[in-house]
Amino acid sequence: MDLAKKLGWKSRELVISRERVTFEEILSIVKDLRDAIISNLDDYIILVNGLNIKLLKGLETEILGDTTIDIFPPAAGGVIS
């Protein structure tokens, strides 16, 4: 099953009251996403404004206002943004 079907949503918009949070904090807010990807996090390509978080600060990558996060599951496809 692809990630979008597993989650029951393909796109999600969050409104965060703080100026900046980390990707890890986003995962603590979006628990269904965290539960779906955290055990196989290295299998996913996670882009923050088009940049792979593995090349940034990983889970500690800062998410600022008006940021786009795209998550590409392994091989099966089905982008989540």
PDB file of N, CA and C in Angstrom:
ATOM      1  N   MET A   1       0.845  -1.182   0.000  1.00  0.00           N
ATOM      2  CA  MET A   1       0.000   0.000   0.000  1.00  0.00           C
ATOM      3  C   MET A   1       0.890   1.245   0.000  1.00  0.00           C
ATOM      4  N   ASP A   2       0.552   2.209  -0.859  1.00  0.00           N
ATOM      5  CA  ASP A   2       1.379   3.413  -0.876  1.00  0.00           C
ATOM      6  C   ASP A   2       1.062   4.303   0.331  1.00  0.00           C
ATOM      7  N   LEU A   3       1.942   5.234   0.582  1.00  0.00           N
ATOM      8  CA  LEU A   3       1.870   6.056   1.788  1.00  0.00           C
ATOM      9  C   LEU A   3       0.584   6.880   1.854  1.00  0.00           C
ATOM     10  N   ALA A   4       0.173   7.473   0.750  1.00  0.00           N
ATOM     11  CA  ALA A   4      -1.047   8.290   0.745  1.00  0.00           C
ATOM     12  C   ALA A   4      -2.265   7.457   1.125  1.00  0.00           C
ATOM     13  N   LYS A   5      -2.362   6.245   0.614  1.00  0.00           N
ATOM     14  CA  LYS A   5      -3.489   5.375   0.964  1.00  0.00           C
ATOM     15  C   LYS A   5      -3.410   4.960   2.425  1.00  0.00           C
ATOM     16  N   LYS A   6      -2.226   4.683   2.900  1.00  0.00           N
ATOM     17  CA  LYS A   6      -2.043   4.282   4.294  1.00  0.00           C
ATOM     18  C   LYS A   6      -2.467   5.399   5.245  1.00  0.00           C
ATOM     19  N   LEU A   7      -2.117   6.642   4.901  1.00  0.00           N
ATOM     20  CA  LEU A   7      -2.443   7.784   5.751  1.00  0.00           C
ATOM     21  C   LEU A   7      -3.885   8.254   5.580  1.00  0.00           C
ATOM     22  N   GLY A   8      -4.440   8.031   4.386  1.00  0.00           N
ATOM     23  CA  GLY A   8      -5.779   8.522   4.113  1.00  0.00           C
ATOM     24  C   GLY A   8      -5.789   9.971   3.645  1.00  0.00           C
ATOM     25  N   TRP A   9      -4.628  10.512   3.348  1.00  0.00           N
ATOM     26  CA  TRP A   9      -4.503  11.874   2.808  1.00  0.00           C
ATOM     27  C   TRP A   9      -3.251  11.966   1.962  1.00  0.00           C
ATOM     28  N   LYS A  10      -3.291  12.877   0.988  1.00  0.00           N
ATOM     29  CA  LYS A  10      -2.156  13.046   0.085  1.00  0.00           C
ATOM     30  C   LYS A  10      -1.443  14.367   0.322  1.00  0.00           C
ATOM     31  N   SER A  11      -2.159  15.329   0.862  1.00  0.00           N
ATOM     32  CA  SER A  11      -1.585  16.645   1.113  1.00  0.00           C
ATOM     33  C   SER A  11      -2.151  17.157   2.429  1.00  0.00           C
ATOM     34  N   ARG A  12      -1.324  17.869   3.157  1.00  0.00           N
ATOM     35  CA  ARG A  12      -1.757  18.374   4.463  1.00  0.00           C
ATOM     36  C   ARG A  12      -1.117  19.726   4.699  1.00  0.00           C
ATOM     37  N   GLU A  13      -1.900  20.653   5.206  1.00  0.00           N
ATOM     38  CA  GLU A  13      -1.373  21.979   5.534  1.00  0.00           C
ATOM     39  C   GLU A  13      -1.415  22.148   7.043  1.00  0.00           C
ATOM     40  N   LEU A  14      -0.297  22.570   7.607  1.00  0.00           N
ATOM     41  CA  LEU A  14      -0.215  22.811   9.046  1.00  0.00           C
ATOM     42  C   LEU A  14      -0.015  24.292   9.298  1.00  0.00           C
ATOM     43  N   VAL A  15      -0.635  24.778  10.346  1.00  0.00           N
ATOM     44  CA  VAL A  15      -0.391  26.142  10.803  1.00  0.00           C
ATOM     45  C   VAL A  15       0.312  26.015  12.147  1.00  0.00           C
ATOM     46  N   ILE A  16       1.552  26.466  12.196  1.00  0.00           N
ATOM     47  CA  ILE A  16       2.377  26.367  13.400  1.00  0.00           C
ATOM     48  C   ILE A  16       2.498  27.767  13.991  1.00  0.00           C
ATOM     49  N   SER A  17       2.262  27.884  15.288  1.00  0.00           N
ATOM     50  CA  SER A  17       2.269  29.210  15.912  1.00  0.00           C
ATOM     51  C   SER A  17       3.675  29.753  16.163  1.00  0.00           C
ATOM     52  N   ARG A  18       4.663  28.876  16.202  1.00  0.00           N
ATOM     53  CA  ARG A  18       6.038  29.343  16.414  1.00  0.00           C
ATOM     54  C   ARG A  18       6.676  29.706  15.084  1.00  0.00           C
ATOM     55  N   GLU A  19       7.707  30.530  15.158  1.00  0.00           N
ATOM     56  CA  GLU A  19       8.388  30.990  13.945  1.00  0.00           C
ATOM     57  C   GLU A  19       9.136  29.864  13.239  1.00  0.00           C
ATOM     58  N   ARG A  20       9.713  28.958  14.017  1.00  0.00           N
ATOM     59  CA  ARG A  20      10.437  27.839  13.418  1.00  0.00           C
ATOM     60  C   ARG A  20      10.313  26.602  14.301  1.00  0.00           C
ATOM     61  N   VAL A  21      10.271  25.451  13.646  1.00  0.00           N
ATOM     62  CA  VAL A  21      10.243  24.151  14.314  1.00  0.00           C
ATOM     63  C   VAL A  21      11.167  23.228  13.533  1.00  0.00           C
ATOM     64  N   THR A  22      11.475  22.081  14.097  1.00  0.00           N
ATOM     65  CA  THR A  22      12.283  21.099  13.379  1.00  0.00           C
ATOM     66  C   THR A  22      11.364  20.089  12.694  1.00  0.00           C
ATOM     67  N   PHE A  23      11.926  19.353  11.742  1.00  0.00           N
ATOM     68  CA  PHE A  23      11.144  18.308  11.087  1.00  0.00           C
ATOM     69  C   PHE A  23      10.695  17.275  12.117  1.00  0.00           C
ATOM     70  N   GLU A  24      11.530  16.986  13.091  1.00  0.00           N
ATOM     71  CA  GLU A  24      11.169  16.040  14.155  1.00  0.00           C
ATOM     72  C   GLU A  24       9.942  16.535  14.925  1.00  0.00           C
ATOM     73  N   GLU A  25       9.865  17.835  15.179  1.00  0.00           N
ATOM     74  CA  GLU A  25       8.694  18.391  15.864  1.00  0.00           C
ATOM     75  C   GLU A  25       7.445  18.292  14.988  1.00  0.00           C
ATOM     76  N   ILE A  26       7.613  18.460  13.687  1.00  0.00           N
ATOM     77  CA  ILE A  26       6.485  18.276  12.764  1.00  0.00           C
ATOM     78  C   ILE A  26       5.969  16.844  12.872  1.00  0.00           C
ATOM     79  N   LEU A  27       6.887  15.882  12.915  1.00  0.00           N
ATOM     80  CA  LEU A  27       6.474  14.482  13.041  1.00  0.00           C
ATOM     81  C   LEU A  27       5.743  14.228  14.354  1.00  0.00           C
ATOM     82  N   SER A  28       6.103  14.940  15.417  1.00  0.00           N
ATOM     83  CA  SER A  28       5.401  14.748  16.692  1.00  0.00           C
ATOM     84  C   SER A  28       3.992  15.343  16.635  1.00  0.00           C
ATOM     85  N   ILE A  29       3.769  16.295  15.738  1.00  0.00           N
ATOM     86  CA  ILE A  29       2.441  16.888  15.560  1.00  0.00           C
ATOM     87  C   ILE A  29       1.587  16.010  14.645  1.00  0.00           C
ATOM     88  N   VAL A  30       2.183  15.510  13.577  1.00  0.00           N
ATOM     89  CA  VAL A  30       1.465  14.682  12.594  1.00  0.00           C
ATOM     90  C   VAL A  30       1.799  13.220  12.899  1.00  0.00           C
ATOM     91  N   LYS A  31       1.158  12.713  13.942  1.00  0.00           N
ATOM     92  CA  LYS A  31       1.499  11.391  14.477  1.00  0.00           C
ATOM     93  C   LYS A  31       1.276  10.258  13.474  1.00  0.00           C
ATOM     94  N   ASP A  32       0.231  10.352  12.651  1.00  0.00           N
ATOM     95  CA  ASP A  32       0.003   9.275  11.687  1.00  0.00           C
ATOM     96  C   ASP A  32       1.132   9.205  10.662  1.00  0.00           C
ATOM     97  N   LEU A  33       1.671  10.353  10.281  1.00  0.00           N
ATOM     98  CA  LEU A  33       2.819  10.369   9.378  1.00  0.00           C
ATOM     99  C   LEU A  33       4.045   9.790  10.072  1.00  0.00           C
ATOM    100  N   ARG A  34       4.294  10.227  11.298  1.00  0.00           N
ATOM    101  CA  ARG A  34       5.437   9.706  12.059  1.00  0.00           C
ATOM    102  C   ARG A  34       5.355   8.184  12.166  1.00  0.00           C
ATOM    103  N   ASP A  35       4.195   7.684  12.560  1.00  0.00           N
ATOM    104  CA  ASP A  35       4.030   6.240  12.725  1.00  0.00           C
ATOM    105  C   ASP A  35       4.256   5.485  11.417  1.00  0.00           C
ATOM    106  N   ALA A  36       3.895   6.109  10.302  1.00  0.00           N
ATOM    107  CA  ALA A  36       4.025   5.456   8.997  1.00  0.00           C
ATOM    108  C   ALA A  36       5.461   5.416   8.495  1.00  0.00           C
ATOM    109  N   ILE A  37       6.289   6.411   8.844  1.00  0.00           N
ATOM    110  CA  ILE A  37       7.617   6.487   8.223  1.00  0.00           C
ATOM    111  C   ILE A  37       8.794   6.318   9.174  1.00  0.00           C
ATOM    112  N   ILE A  38       8.606   6.508  10.473  1.00  0.00           N
ATOM    113  CA  ILE A  38       9.755   6.614  11.378  1.00  0.00           C
ATOM    114  C   ILE A  38      10.597   5.336  11.436  1.00  0.00           C
ATOM    115  N   SER A  39       9.985   4.173  11.351  1.00  0.00           N
ATOM    116  CA  SER A  39      10.775   2.938  11.466  1.00  0.00           C
ATOM    117  C   SER A  39      11.632   2.682  10.221  1.00  0.00           C
ATOM    118  N   ASN A  40      11.258   3.284   9.100  1.00  0.00           N
ATOM    119  CA  ASN A  40      12.015   3.123   7.850  1.00  0.00           C
ATOM    120  C   ASN A  40      12.383   4.482   7.271  1.00  0.00           C
ATOM    121  N   LEU A  41      12.711   5.421   8.117  1.00  0.00           N
ATOM    122  CA  LEU A  41      12.953   6.798   7.693  1.00  0.00           C
ATOM    123  C   LEU A  41      13.989   6.901   6.582  1.00  0.00           C
ATOM    124  N   ASP A  42      15.021   6.082   6.638  1.00  0.00           N
ATOM    125  CA  ASP A  42      16.077   6.138   5.622  1.00  0.00           C
ATOM    126  C   ASP A  42      15.601   5.690   4.244  1.00  0.00           C
ATOM    127  N   ASP A  43      14.475   4.994   4.188  1.00  0.00           N
ATOM    128  CA  ASP A  43      13.938   4.551   2.905  1.00  0.00           C
ATOM    129  C   ASP A  43      13.238   5.677   2.145  1.00  0.00           C
ATOM    130  N   TYR A  44      12.888   6.755   2.843  1.00  0.00           N
ATOM    131  CA  TYR A  44      12.125   7.842   2.240  1.00  0.00           C
ATOM    132  C   TYR A  44      13.029   8.982   1.811  1.00  0.00           C
ATOM    133  N   ILE A  45      12.644   9.636   0.742  1.00  0.00           N
ATOM    134  CA  ILE A  45      13.301  10.878   0.339  1.00  0.00           C
ATOM    135  C   ILE A  45      12.414  12.001   0.859  1.00  0.00           C
ATOM    136  N   ILE A  46      12.967  12.804   1.755  1.00  0.00           N
ATOM    137  CA  ILE A  46      12.211  13.892   2.372  1.00  0.00           C
ATOM    138  C   ILE A  46      12.863  15.203   1.954  1.00  0.00           C
ATOM    139  N   LEU A  47      12.092  16.015   1.256  1.00  0.00           N
ATOM    140  CA  LEU A  47      12.594  17.289   0.750  1.00  0.00           C
ATOM    141  C   LEU A  47      11.933  18.445   1.487  1.00  0.00           C
ATOM    142  N   VAL A  48      12.751  19.388   1.924  1.00  0.00           N
ATOM    143  CA  VAL A  48      12.257  20.626   2.525  1.00  0.00           C
ATOM    144  C   VAL A  48      12.602  21.739   1.545  1.00  0.00           C
ATOM    145  N   ASN A  49      11.571  22.314   0.966  1.00  0.00           N
ATOM    146  CA  ASN A  49      11.756  23.313  -0.100  1.00  0.00           C
ATOM    147  C   ASN A  49      12.714  22.804  -1.178  1.00  0.00           C
ATOM    148  N   GLY A  50      12.565  21.532  -1.530  1.00  0.00           N
ATOM    149  CA  GLY A  50      13.348  20.943  -2.612  1.00  0.00           C
ATOM    150  C   GLY A  50      14.702  20.394  -2.222  1.00  0.00           C
ATOM    151  N   LEU A  51      15.099  20.541  -0.954  1.00  0.00           N
ATOM    152  CA  LEU A  51      16.405  20.053  -0.496  1.00  0.00           C
ATOM    153  C   LEU A  51      16.230  18.835   0.401  1.00  0.00           C
ATOM    154  N   ASN A  52      17.016  17.803   0.135  1.00  0.00           N
ATOM    155  CA  ASN A  52      16.949  16.570   0.905  1.00  0.00           C
ATOM    156  C   ASN A  52      17.416  16.822   2.338  1.00  0.00           C
ATOM    157  N   ILE A  53      16.589  16.417   3.330  1.00  0.00           N
ATOM    158  CA  ILE A  53      16.969  16.673   4.727  1.00  0.00           C
ATOM    159  C   ILE A  53      18.228  15.910   5.122  1.00  0.00           C
ATOM    160  N   LYS A  54      18.551  14.843   4.383  1.00  0.00           N
ATOM    161  CA  LYS A  54      19.794  14.117   4.681  1.00  0.00           C
ATOM    162  C   LYS A  54      21.013  14.992   4.403  1.00  0.00           C
ATOM    163  N   LEU A  55      20.859  15.957   3.503  1.00  0.00           N
ATOM    164  CA  LEU A  55      21.948  16.878   3.181  1.00  0.00           C
ATOM    165  C   LEU A  55      21.891  18.142   4.037  1.00  0.00           C
ATOM    166  N   LEU A  56      20.834  18.281   4.811  1.00  0.00           N
ATOM    167  CA  LEU A  56      20.686  19.420   5.710  1.00  0.00           C
ATOM    168  C   LEU A  56      21.024  18.946   7.126  1.00  0.00           C
ATOM    169  N   LYS A  57      20.064  18.983   8.031  1.00  0.00           N
ATOM    170  CA  LYS A  57      20.314  18.570   9.419  1.00  0.00           C
ATOM    171  C   LYS A  57      19.467  17.370   9.825  1.00  0.00           C
ATOM    172  N   GLY A  58      19.026  16.583   8.853  1.00  0.00           N
ATOM    173  CA  GLY A  58      18.219  15.410   9.170  1.00  0.00           C
ATOM    174  C   GLY A  58      16.945  15.803   9.901  1.00  0.00           C
ATOM    175  N   LEU A  59      16.617  15.078  10.957  1.00  0.00           N
ATOM    176  CA  LEU A  59      15.409  15.368  11.728  1.00  0.00           C
ATOM    177  C   LEU A  59      15.454  16.741  12.380  1.00  0.00           C
ATOM    178  N   GLU A  60      16.639  17.280  12.549  1.00  0.00           N
ATOM    179  CA  GLU A  60      16.798  18.604  13.171  1.00  0.00           C
ATOM    180  C   GLU A  60      16.721  19.745  12.151  1.00  0.00           C
ATOM    181  N   THR A  61      16.400  19.430  10.903  1.00  0.00           N
ATOM    182  CA  THR A  61      16.234  20.461   9.879  1.00  0.00           C
ATOM    183  C   THR A  61      15.136  21.423  10.313  1.00  0.00           C
ATOM    184  N   GLU A  62      15.436  22.713  10.260  1.00  0.00           N
ATOM    185  CA  GLU A  62      14.467  23.720  10.679  1.00  0.00           C
ATOM    186  C   GLU A  62      13.423  23.955   9.593  1.00  0.00           C
ATOM    187  N   ILE A  63      12.183  24.048  10.047  1.00  0.00           N
ATOM    188  CA  ILE A  63      11.057  24.319   9.172  1.00  0.00           C
ATOM    189  C   ILE A  63      10.571  25.722   9.509  1.00  0.00           C
ATOM    190  N   LEU A  64      10.666  26.613   8.554  1.00  0.00           N
ATOM    191  CA  LEU A  64      10.232  27.992   8.743  1.00  0.00           C
ATOM    192  C   LEU A  64       8.859  28.180   8.111  1.00  0.00           C
ATOM    193  N   GLY A  65       8.231  29.317   8.350  1.00  0.00           N
ATOM    194  CA  GLY A  65       6.930  29.592   7.752  1.00  0.00           C
ATOM    195  C   GLY A  65       6.968  29.467   6.240  1.00  0.00           C
ATOM    196  N   ASP A  66       5.862  29.046   5.659  1.00  0.00           N
ATOM    197  CA  ASP A  66       5.716  28.908   4.209  1.00  0.00           C
ATOM    198  C   ASP A  66       6.692  27.900   3.604  1.00  0.00           C
ATOM    199  N   THR A  67       6.935  26.831   4.314  1.00  0.00           N
ATOM    200  CA  THR A  67       7.832  25.769   3.862  1.00  0.00           C
ATOM    201  C   THR A  67       7.022  24.636   3.247  1.00  0.00           C
ATOM    202  N   THR A  68       7.552  24.051   2.193  1.00  0.00           N
ATOM    203  CA  THR A  68       6.941  22.874   1.589  1.00  0.00           C
ATOM    204  C   THR A  68       7.795  21.661   1.919  1.00  0.00           C
ATOM    205  N   ILE A  69       7.142  20.616   2.411  1.00  0.00           N
ATOM    206  CA  ILE A  69       7.814  19.350   2.708  1.00  0.00           C
ATOM    207  C   ILE A  69       7.209  18.298   1.786  1.00  0.00           C
ATOM    208  N   ASP A  70       8.046  17.632   1.014  1.00  0.00           N
ATOM    209  CA  ASP A  70       7.607  16.541   0.143  1.00  0.00           C
ATOM    210  C   ASP A  70       8.246  15.254   0.633  1.00  0.00           C
ATOM    211  N   ILE A  71       7.446  14.191   0.685  1.00  0.00           N
ATOM    212  CA  ILE A  71       7.944  12.891   1.139  1.00  0.00           C
ATOM    213  C   ILE A  71       7.678  11.876   0.041  1.00  0.00           C
ATOM    214  N   PHE A  72       8.752  11.285  -0.448  1.00  0.00           N
ATOM    215  CA  PHE A  72       8.655  10.278  -1.495  1.00  0.00           C
ATOM    216  C   PHE A  72       8.920   8.912  -0.884  1.00  0.00           C
ATOM    217  N   PRO A  73       7.921   8.029  -0.909  1.00  0.00           N
ATOM    218  CA  PRO A  73       8.107   6.685  -0.384  1.00  0.00           C
ATOM    219  C   PRO A  73       9.044   5.873  -1.270  1.00  0.00           C
ATOM    220  N   PRO A  74       9.571   4.780  -0.732  1.00  0.00           N
ATOM    221  CA  PRO A  74      10.456   3.928  -1.521  1.00  0.00           C
ATOM    222  C   PRO A  74       9.724   3.315  -2.715  1.00  0.00           C
ATOM    223  N   ALA A  75      10.342   3.339  -3.843  1.00  0.00           N
ATOM    224  CA  ALA A  75       9.945   2.695  -5.100  1.00  0.00           C
ATOM    225  C   ALA A  75       8.467   2.719  -5.463  1.00  0.00           C
ATOM    226  N   ALA A  76       7.565   2.594  -4.525  1.00  0.00           N
ATOM    227  CA  ALA A  76       6.147   2.502  -4.846  1.00  0.00           C
ATOM    228  C   ALA A  76       5.582   3.800  -5.402  1.00  0.00           C
ATOM    229  N   GLY A  77       6.212   4.925  -5.102  1.00  0.00           N
ATOM    230  CA  GLY A  77       5.722   6.213  -5.592  1.00  0.00           C
ATOM    231  C   GLY A  77       4.618   6.768  -4.723  1.00  0.00           C
ATOM    232  N   GLY A  78       4.008   7.835  -5.168  1.00  0.00           N
ATOM    233  CA  GLY A  78       2.918   8.451  -4.419  1.00  0.00           C
ATOM    234  C   GLY A  78       3.407   9.558  -3.511  1.00  0.00           C
ATOM    235  N   VAL A  79       3.801  10.685  -4.066  1.00  0.00           N
ATOM    236  CA  VAL A  79       4.365  11.795  -3.289  1.00  0.00           C
ATOM    237  C   VAL A  79       3.340  12.350  -2.307  1.00  0.00           C
ATOM    238  N   ILE A  80       3.818  12.719  -1.126  1.00  0.00           N
ATOM    239  CA  ILE A  80       3.018  13.386  -0.098  1.00  0.00           C
ATOM    240  C   ILE A  80       3.597  14.774   0.074  1.00  0.00           C
ATOM    241  N   SER A  81       2.773  15.790   0.036  1.00  0.00           N
ATOM    242  CA  SER A  81       3.288  17.146   0.271  1.00  0.00           C
ATOM    243  C   SER A  81       2.338  17.934   1.135  1.00  0.00           C
TER     244      SER A  81
END
